[in-house]
N, C-alpha and C. Protein backbone atom coordinates (compact mmCIF):
# COMPACT_ATOMS: atom_id res chain seq x y z
N UNK A 1 78.55 49.48 73.11
CA UNK A 1 79.92 49.87 72.97
C UNK A 1 80.54 49.26 71.71
N UNK A 2 80.10 48.07 71.38
CA UNK A 2 80.64 47.38 70.19
C UNK A 2 80.30 48.15 68.91
N UNK A 3 79.13 48.78 68.86
CA UNK A 3 78.74 49.57 67.70
C UNK A 3 79.62 50.75 67.47
N UNK A 4 80.03 51.40 68.55
CA UNK A 4 80.91 52.59 68.45
C UNK A 4 82.30 52.13 67.96
N UNK A 5 82.76 51.02 68.52
CA UNK A 5 84.08 50.51 68.11
C UNK A 5 84.09 50.13 66.64
N UNK A 6 83.01 49.50 66.15
CA UNK A 6 82.97 49.17 64.73
C UNK A 6 82.89 50.40 63.88
N UNK A 7 82.20 51.45 64.37
CA UNK A 7 82.12 52.69 63.63
C UNK A 7 83.51 53.34 63.51
N UNK A 8 84.29 53.32 64.61
CA UNK A 8 85.60 53.90 64.58
C UNK A 8 86.60 53.14 63.68
N UNK A 9 86.27 51.88 63.38
CA UNK A 9 87.13 51.07 62.48
C UNK A 9 86.69 51.15 61.03
N UNK A 10 85.54 51.84 60.79
CA UNK A 10 84.95 51.89 59.48
C UNK A 10 85.66 52.85 58.53
N UNK A 11 86.03 52.34 57.37
CA UNK A 11 86.67 53.18 56.36
C UNK A 11 85.65 54.22 55.87
N UNK A 12 84.42 53.84 55.71
CA UNK A 12 83.38 54.76 55.23
C UNK A 12 83.17 55.92 56.21
N UNK A 13 83.17 55.63 57.49
CA UNK A 13 83.00 56.68 58.48
C UNK A 13 84.11 57.68 58.43
N UNK A 14 85.36 57.24 58.35
CA UNK A 14 86.47 58.16 58.35
C UNK A 14 86.54 58.96 57.05
N UNK A 15 86.17 58.38 55.93
CA UNK A 15 86.11 59.15 54.70
C UNK A 15 85.03 60.21 54.75
N UNK A 16 83.88 59.90 55.37
CA UNK A 16 82.84 60.88 55.54
C UNK A 16 83.30 62.01 56.45
N UNK A 17 84.03 61.68 57.50
CA UNK A 17 84.51 62.72 58.39
C UNK A 17 85.54 63.65 57.67
N UNK A 18 86.38 63.07 56.84
CA UNK A 18 87.30 63.88 56.05
C UNK A 18 86.53 64.84 55.14
N UNK A 19 85.46 64.33 54.52
CA UNK A 19 84.63 65.19 53.65
C UNK A 19 84.00 66.32 54.41
N UNK A 20 83.41 66.02 55.58
CA UNK A 20 82.78 67.07 56.36
C UNK A 20 83.80 68.12 56.83
N UNK A 21 84.93 67.64 57.33
CA UNK A 21 85.95 68.60 57.85
C UNK A 21 86.49 69.47 56.74
N UNK A 22 86.83 68.87 55.59
CA UNK A 22 87.36 69.69 54.50
C UNK A 22 86.32 70.66 53.97
N UNK A 23 85.06 70.30 53.94
CA UNK A 23 84.03 71.21 53.51
C UNK A 23 83.91 72.39 54.45
N UNK A 24 83.91 72.14 55.74
CA UNK A 24 83.80 73.24 56.71
C UNK A 24 85.04 74.15 56.61
N UNK A 25 86.22 73.58 56.54
CA UNK A 25 87.42 74.36 56.44
C UNK A 25 87.44 75.21 55.17
N UNK A 26 87.14 74.62 54.02
CA UNK A 26 87.22 75.31 52.78
C UNK A 26 86.09 76.38 52.64
N UNK A 27 85.01 76.23 53.35
CA UNK A 27 83.97 77.24 53.36
C UNK A 27 84.44 78.52 54.05
N UNK A 28 85.37 78.40 54.97
CA UNK A 28 85.85 79.55 55.68
C UNK A 28 87.07 80.21 55.00
N UNK A 29 87.55 79.64 53.92
CA UNK A 29 88.61 80.22 53.12
C UNK A 29 87.98 80.90 51.90
N UNK A 30 87.83 82.20 51.95
CA UNK A 30 87.04 82.87 50.91
C UNK A 30 87.60 82.75 49.46
N UNK A 31 88.90 82.65 49.34
CA UNK A 31 89.48 82.59 47.98
C UNK A 31 89.59 81.19 47.41
N UNK A 32 89.21 80.18 48.21
CA UNK A 32 89.34 78.79 47.74
C UNK A 32 88.16 78.49 46.79
N UNK A 33 88.48 77.97 45.59
CA UNK A 33 87.41 77.74 44.61
C UNK A 33 86.42 76.67 45.10
N UNK A 34 85.14 76.99 44.99
CA UNK A 34 84.11 76.07 45.41
C UNK A 34 84.11 74.77 44.65
N UNK A 35 84.41 74.88 43.36
CA UNK A 35 84.41 73.68 42.49
C UNK A 35 85.43 72.66 42.96
N UNK A 36 86.54 73.11 43.54
CA UNK A 36 87.57 72.18 43.99
C UNK A 36 87.08 71.33 45.16
N UNK A 37 86.55 71.98 46.19
CA UNK A 37 86.13 71.20 47.33
C UNK A 37 84.90 70.38 47.05
N UNK A 38 84.05 70.80 46.14
CA UNK A 38 82.93 70.00 45.71
C UNK A 38 83.38 68.76 44.92
N UNK A 39 84.46 68.93 44.14
CA UNK A 39 85.00 67.79 43.43
C UNK A 39 85.63 66.79 44.40
N UNK A 40 86.33 67.29 45.42
CA UNK A 40 86.88 66.39 46.43
C UNK A 40 85.74 65.62 47.12
N UNK A 41 84.65 66.32 47.43
CA UNK A 41 83.52 65.63 48.08
C UNK A 41 82.91 64.56 47.14
N UNK A 42 82.86 64.84 45.87
CA UNK A 42 82.33 63.86 44.93
C UNK A 42 83.22 62.63 44.86
N UNK A 43 84.56 62.86 44.88
CA UNK A 43 85.48 61.72 44.85
C UNK A 43 85.39 60.88 46.13
N UNK A 44 85.26 61.58 47.27
CA UNK A 44 85.08 60.85 48.52
C UNK A 44 83.79 60.07 48.53
N UNK A 45 82.72 60.65 48.02
CA UNK A 45 81.43 59.96 47.91
C UNK A 45 81.54 58.68 47.06
N UNK A 46 82.26 58.81 45.94
CA UNK A 46 82.44 57.64 45.08
C UNK A 46 83.24 56.56 45.79
N UNK A 47 84.25 56.95 46.53
CA UNK A 47 85.07 55.99 47.28
C UNK A 47 84.23 55.31 48.39
N UNK A 48 83.41 56.08 49.08
CA UNK A 48 82.55 55.53 50.14
C UNK A 48 81.57 54.52 49.52
N UNK A 49 80.99 54.88 48.36
CA UNK A 49 80.05 53.98 47.69
C UNK A 49 80.75 52.69 47.25
N UNK A 50 81.97 52.81 46.79
CA UNK A 50 82.74 51.61 46.39
C UNK A 50 82.99 50.72 47.59
N UNK A 51 83.37 51.30 48.71
CA UNK A 51 83.60 50.52 49.92
C UNK A 51 82.29 49.83 50.40
N UNK A 52 81.17 50.59 50.33
CA UNK A 52 79.88 50.01 50.70
C UNK A 52 79.51 48.86 49.80
N UNK A 53 79.73 48.99 48.51
CA UNK A 53 79.44 47.94 47.59
C UNK A 53 80.32 46.71 47.87
N UNK A 54 81.56 46.92 48.15
CA UNK A 54 82.50 45.83 48.50
C UNK A 54 82.03 45.12 49.76
N UNK A 55 81.68 45.89 50.79
CA UNK A 55 81.23 45.29 52.04
C UNK A 55 79.94 44.48 51.85
N UNK A 56 79.01 45.00 51.06
CA UNK A 56 77.77 44.24 50.77
C UNK A 56 78.05 42.96 50.03
N UNK A 57 78.96 43.02 49.07
CA UNK A 57 79.28 41.82 48.27
C UNK A 57 79.95 40.75 49.17
N UNK A 58 80.77 41.18 50.08
CA UNK A 58 81.44 40.25 51.00
C UNK A 58 80.42 39.58 51.91
N UNK A 59 79.48 40.36 52.44
CA UNK A 59 78.46 39.77 53.31
C UNK A 59 77.56 38.86 52.57
N UNK A 60 77.17 39.22 51.34
CA UNK A 60 76.27 38.37 50.57
C UNK A 60 76.99 37.09 50.13
N UNK A 61 78.24 37.20 49.80
CA UNK A 61 79.01 36.05 49.34
C UNK A 61 79.55 35.16 50.45
N UNK A 62 79.51 35.65 51.68
CA UNK A 62 80.00 34.86 52.81
C UNK A 62 81.52 34.87 52.97
N UNK A 63 82.19 35.70 52.19
CA UNK A 63 83.63 35.81 52.33
C UNK A 63 83.95 37.13 53.04
N UNK A 64 85.05 37.11 53.72
CA UNK A 64 85.42 38.32 54.48
C UNK A 64 86.85 38.67 54.19
N UNK A 65 87.10 39.93 54.02
CA UNK A 65 88.49 40.39 53.83
C UNK A 65 88.88 41.09 55.13
N UNK A 66 89.07 40.28 56.14
CA UNK A 66 89.47 40.78 57.48
C UNK A 66 90.45 39.79 58.08
N UNK A 67 91.09 40.23 59.15
CA UNK A 67 91.95 39.31 59.85
C UNK A 67 91.14 38.17 60.45
N UNK A 68 91.76 37.05 60.65
CA UNK A 68 91.08 35.91 61.20
C UNK A 68 90.47 36.16 62.58
N UNK A 69 91.14 36.99 63.39
CA UNK A 69 90.60 37.27 64.74
C UNK A 69 89.40 38.20 64.71
N UNK A 70 89.23 38.95 63.60
CA UNK A 70 88.09 39.85 63.43
C UNK A 70 86.93 39.20 62.71
N UNK A 71 87.14 38.00 62.19
CA UNK A 71 86.13 37.31 61.40
C UNK A 71 84.95 36.88 62.30
N UNK A 72 83.72 37.20 61.89
CA UNK A 72 82.57 36.74 62.69
C UNK A 72 82.43 35.23 62.63
N UNK A 73 81.86 34.70 63.71
CA UNK A 73 81.74 33.23 63.78
C UNK A 73 80.40 32.77 63.42
């Protein structure tokens, strides 16, 4: 259960969900330019990669950017 809760708190997970949802929606709008939603997906991917890089650096460095009650012991 803890894994699901951490997933629901993940910025990367929610950005990926936004990307999937907007891709599905925009595929069903025939007049919507494909280049626009692909560009949005690329920006979301870059943001997810940035968050992943930040999380990895925090874990490697031993510092955490979280509330004190969420900090691992």
